[in-house]
């Protein structure tokens, strides 16, 4: 089963890149990262024959998303910030 998931993900990456190009958009391969949630599968994914980097966490719009907890930590942080604003 993991092989099927990997092929599907690789196909999605390729389709995203191809569709983006057809619309005149370019995906920056150096900024494109792979974050795997709740899996031990470490197979490589590529875009135009270049390996995409695997990361354990990243920050997007001020929220940190990590390999072990996904967005859980970011949601807790935002809820706590909201509580402080209400007080």
N, C-alpha and C. Protein backbone atom coordinates (compact mmCIF):
# COMPACT_ATOMS: atom_id res chain seq x y z
N UNK A 1 0.81 -1.21 0.00
CA UNK A 1 0.00 0.00 0.00
C UNK A 1 0.85 1.27 0.00
N UNK A 2 1.94 1.38 0.77
CA UNK A 2 2.73 2.62 0.75
C UNK A 2 3.21 2.98 -0.66
N UNK A 3 3.53 2.00 -1.49
CA UNK A 3 3.99 2.28 -2.84
C UNK A 3 2.89 2.98 -3.64
N UNK A 4 1.65 2.55 -3.48
CA UNK A 4 0.52 3.19 -4.18
C UNK A 4 0.39 4.63 -3.73
N UNK A 5 0.49 4.88 -2.42
CA UNK A 5 0.39 6.25 -1.90
C UNK A 5 1.53 7.11 -2.45
N UNK A 6 2.73 6.56 -2.52
CA UNK A 6 3.87 7.31 -3.01
C UNK A 6 3.66 7.69 -4.46
N UNK A 7 3.23 6.74 -5.28
CA UNK A 7 3.00 7.03 -6.69
C UNK A 7 1.93 8.09 -6.86
N UNK A 8 0.90 8.01 -6.07
CA UNK A 8 -0.17 8.99 -6.14
C UNK A 8 0.36 10.38 -5.78
N UNK A 9 1.15 10.46 -4.73
CA UNK A 9 1.70 11.75 -4.33
C UNK A 9 2.65 12.29 -5.40
N UNK A 10 3.50 11.44 -5.95
CA UNK A 10 4.41 11.88 -7.00
C UNK A 10 3.62 12.36 -8.20
N UNK A 11 2.56 11.66 -8.55
CA UNK A 11 1.72 12.09 -9.67
C UNK A 11 1.09 13.46 -9.39
N UNK A 12 0.67 13.68 -8.16
CA UNK A 12 0.07 14.97 -7.79
C UNK A 12 1.09 16.10 -7.90
N UNK A 13 2.31 15.84 -7.47
CA UNK A 13 3.37 16.85 -7.58
C UNK A 13 3.62 17.18 -9.04
N UNK A 14 3.71 16.16 -9.88
CA UNK A 14 3.95 16.35 -11.31
C UNK A 14 2.79 17.11 -11.96
N UNK A 15 1.57 16.73 -11.62
CA UNK A 15 0.39 17.40 -12.19
C UNK A 15 0.34 18.86 -11.74
N UNK A 16 0.62 19.12 -10.48
CA UNK A 16 0.63 20.50 -9.98
C UNK A 16 1.65 21.34 -10.74
N UNK A 17 2.83 20.80 -10.94
CA UNK A 17 3.89 21.52 -11.65
C UNK A 17 3.49 21.77 -13.11
N UNK A 18 2.97 20.76 -13.77
CA UNK A 18 2.56 20.87 -15.18
C UNK A 18 1.43 21.89 -15.34
N UNK A 19 0.43 21.80 -14.48
CA UNK A 19 -0.71 22.73 -14.55
C UNK A 19 -0.25 24.16 -14.26
N UNK A 20 0.60 24.33 -13.28
CA UNK A 20 1.12 25.67 -12.95
C UNK A 20 1.84 26.27 -14.14
N UNK A 21 2.69 25.47 -14.78
CA UNK A 21 3.42 25.95 -15.96
C UNK A 21 2.47 26.37 -17.07
N UNK A 22 1.40 25.59 -17.28
CA UNK A 22 0.46 25.92 -18.35
C UNK A 22 -0.28 27.23 -18.09
N UNK A 23 -0.31 27.65 -16.82
CA UNK A 23 -0.95 28.92 -16.45
C UNK A 23 0.06 30.06 -16.34
N UNK A 24 1.31 29.75 -16.67
CA UNK A 24 2.35 30.78 -16.61
C UNK A 24 2.95 30.96 -15.23
N UNK A 25 2.73 30.00 -14.34
CA UNK A 25 3.27 30.07 -12.98
C UNK A 25 4.46 29.13 -12.85
N UNK A 26 5.37 29.48 -11.97
CA UNK A 26 6.55 28.65 -11.75
C UNK A 26 6.66 28.32 -10.26
N UNK A 27 6.76 27.05 -9.94
CA UNK A 27 6.93 26.62 -8.56
C UNK A 27 8.42 26.64 -8.23
N UNK A 28 8.77 27.31 -7.15
CA UNK A 28 10.16 27.38 -6.72
C UNK A 28 10.52 26.07 -6.03
N UNK A 29 11.31 25.24 -6.70
CA UNK A 29 11.67 23.92 -6.16
C UNK A 29 12.50 24.03 -4.88
N UNK A 30 13.26 25.11 -4.74
CA UNK A 30 14.08 25.28 -3.54
C UNK A 30 13.23 25.60 -2.31
N UNK A 31 12.05 26.18 -2.54
CA UNK A 31 11.17 26.52 -1.42
C UNK A 31 10.10 25.45 -1.18
N UNK A 32 10.01 24.48 -2.07
CA UNK A 32 9.01 23.43 -1.94
C UNK A 32 9.56 22.33 -1.04
N UNK A 33 8.84 22.05 0.04
CA UNK A 33 9.29 21.07 1.04
C UNK A 33 8.24 19.98 1.20
N UNK A 34 8.68 18.83 1.69
CA UNK A 34 7.79 17.71 1.98
C UNK A 34 7.75 17.52 3.49
N UNK A 35 6.55 17.60 4.07
CA UNK A 35 6.34 17.33 5.49
C UNK A 35 5.40 16.14 5.58
N UNK A 36 5.87 15.07 6.18
CA UNK A 36 5.08 13.85 6.29
C UNK A 36 4.49 13.79 7.69
N UNK A 37 3.17 13.69 7.74
CA UNK A 37 2.48 13.63 9.02
C UNK A 37 2.13 12.20 9.38
N UNK A 38 2.54 11.81 10.58
CA UNK A 38 2.18 10.52 11.15
C UNK A 38 2.48 9.34 10.23
N UNK A 39 3.68 9.33 9.66
CA UNK A 39 4.12 8.22 8.82
C UNK A 39 5.63 8.05 8.96
N UNK A 40 6.10 6.85 8.74
CA UNK A 40 7.54 6.59 8.76
C UNK A 40 8.08 6.42 7.34
N UNK A 41 7.24 6.60 6.35
CA UNK A 41 7.64 6.46 4.96
C UNK A 41 8.53 7.65 4.58
N UNK A 42 9.75 7.37 4.17
CA UNK A 42 10.70 8.44 3.82
C UNK A 42 11.13 8.39 2.36
N UNK A 43 10.29 7.85 1.49
CA UNK A 43 10.65 7.79 0.07
C UNK A 43 10.77 9.20 -0.49
N UNK A 44 11.60 9.33 -1.49
CA UNK A 44 11.88 10.63 -2.08
C UNK A 44 10.83 11.03 -3.11
N UNK A 45 10.55 12.33 -3.17
CA UNK A 45 9.68 12.89 -4.19
C UNK A 45 10.51 13.89 -4.98
N UNK A 46 10.20 14.01 -6.25
CA UNK A 46 10.96 14.90 -7.12
C UNK A 46 10.04 15.82 -7.90
N UNK A 47 10.64 16.91 -8.37
CA UNK A 47 9.98 17.82 -9.29
C UNK A 47 11.00 18.14 -10.37
N UNK A 48 10.68 17.81 -11.60
CA UNK A 48 11.59 17.99 -12.74
C UNK A 48 12.96 17.38 -12.45
N UNK A 49 12.94 16.16 -11.96
CA UNK A 49 14.15 15.38 -11.66
C UNK A 49 15.00 15.94 -10.53
N UNK A 50 14.46 16.89 -9.77
CA UNK A 50 15.18 17.41 -8.59
C UNK A 50 14.46 16.92 -7.35
N UNK A 51 15.24 16.40 -6.40
CA UNK A 51 14.69 15.87 -5.16
C UNK A 51 14.14 17.00 -4.30
N UNK A 52 12.93 16.81 -3.77
CA UNK A 52 12.33 17.79 -2.86
C UNK A 52 12.77 17.46 -1.43
N UNK A 53 13.05 18.49 -0.67
CA UNK A 53 13.58 18.32 0.69
C UNK A 53 12.49 17.89 1.67
N UNK A 54 12.82 16.89 2.49
CA UNK A 54 11.95 16.48 3.60
C UNK A 54 12.28 17.34 4.81
N UNK A 55 11.25 17.81 5.52
CA UNK A 55 11.46 18.63 6.71
C UNK A 55 10.64 18.07 7.87
N UNK A 56 11.06 18.37 9.10
CA UNK A 56 10.34 17.92 10.29
C UNK A 56 9.28 18.94 10.71
N UNK A 57 9.48 20.21 10.32
CA UNK A 57 8.51 21.26 10.64
C UNK A 57 8.73 22.45 9.72
N UNK A 58 7.73 23.31 9.64
CA UNK A 58 7.88 24.56 8.92
C UNK A 58 6.88 25.57 9.46
N UNK A 59 7.13 26.84 9.19
CA UNK A 59 6.24 27.91 9.63
C UNK A 59 5.55 28.48 8.41
N UNK A 60 4.23 28.59 8.50
CA UNK A 60 3.43 29.14 7.42
C UNK A 60 2.46 30.15 8.01
N UNK A 61 2.56 31.38 7.55
CA UNK A 61 1.70 32.45 8.04
C UNK A 61 1.69 32.53 9.56
N UNK A 62 2.87 32.38 10.15
CA UNK A 62 3.02 32.50 11.59
C UNK A 62 2.69 31.26 12.39
N UNK A 63 2.25 30.20 11.75
CA UNK A 63 1.92 28.95 12.45
C UNK A 63 2.96 27.89 12.14
N UNK A 64 3.43 27.24 13.20
CA UNK A 64 4.40 26.16 13.01
C UNK A 64 3.65 24.85 12.88
N UNK A 65 3.95 24.13 11.83
CA UNK A 65 3.37 22.83 11.58
C UNK A 65 4.51 21.83 11.68
N UNK A 66 4.31 20.76 12.49
CA UNK A 66 5.41 19.82 12.64
C UNK A 66 4.97 18.39 12.37
N UNK A 67 5.97 17.55 12.23
CA UNK A 67 5.79 16.15 11.83
C UNK A 67 4.96 15.34 12.82
N UNK A 68 5.14 15.58 14.10
CA UNK A 68 4.49 14.77 15.12
C UNK A 68 3.06 15.21 15.42
N UNK A 69 2.82 16.51 15.45
CA UNK A 69 1.51 17.01 15.89
C UNK A 69 0.74 17.75 14.80
N UNK A 70 1.28 17.84 13.62
CA UNK A 70 0.59 18.55 12.54
C UNK A 70 0.34 20.00 12.94
N UNK A 71 -0.89 20.44 12.85
CA UNK A 71 -1.23 21.82 13.18
C UNK A 71 -1.73 21.96 14.62
N UNK A 72 -1.76 20.87 15.34
CA UNK A 72 -2.27 20.87 16.71
C UNK A 72 -1.63 21.96 17.57
N UNK A 73 -0.32 22.04 17.53
CA UNK A 73 0.41 23.01 18.34
C UNK A 73 0.06 24.44 17.94
N UNK A 74 -0.05 24.70 16.64
CA UNK A 74 -0.38 26.03 16.16
C UNK A 74 -1.78 26.44 16.59
N UNK A 75 -2.73 25.52 16.56
CA UNK A 75 -4.10 25.82 16.98
C UNK A 75 -4.13 26.15 18.47
N UNK A 76 -3.43 25.37 19.28
CA UNK A 76 -3.37 25.64 20.73
C UNK A 76 -2.78 27.02 21.00
N UNK A 77 -1.73 27.38 20.26
CA UNK A 77 -1.08 28.67 20.43
C UNK A 77 -2.04 29.81 20.09
N UNK A 78 -2.81 29.66 19.02
CA UNK A 78 -3.76 30.70 18.63
C UNK A 78 -4.91 30.81 19.63
N UNK A 79 -5.37 29.67 20.14
CA UNK A 79 -6.44 29.71 21.15
C UNK A 79 -5.97 30.40 22.42
N UNK A 80 -4.74 30.13 22.82
CA UNK A 80 -4.19 30.77 24.01
C UNK A 80 -4.06 32.27 23.79
N UNK A 81 -3.61 32.68 22.62
CA UNK A 81 -3.48 34.10 22.29
C UNK A 81 -4.85 34.77 22.31
N UNK A 82 -5.87 34.09 21.84
CA UNK A 82 -7.22 34.63 21.84
C UNK A 82 -7.72 34.81 23.26
N UNK A 83 -7.45 33.83 24.11
CA UNK A 83 -7.85 33.91 25.52
C UNK A 83 -7.21 35.12 26.19
N UNK A 84 -5.95 35.38 25.89
CA UNK A 84 -5.25 36.51 26.49
C UNK A 84 -5.85 37.84 26.01
N UNK A 85 -6.30 37.88 24.78
CA UNK A 85 -6.90 39.11 24.23
C UNK A 85 -8.25 39.39 24.87
N UNK A 86 -8.99 38.35 25.22
CA UNK A 86 -10.31 38.51 25.81
C UNK A 86 -10.22 39.02 27.25
N UNK A 87 -9.19 38.62 27.95
CA UNK A 87 -9.03 39.01 29.37
C UNK A 87 -8.85 40.48 29.54
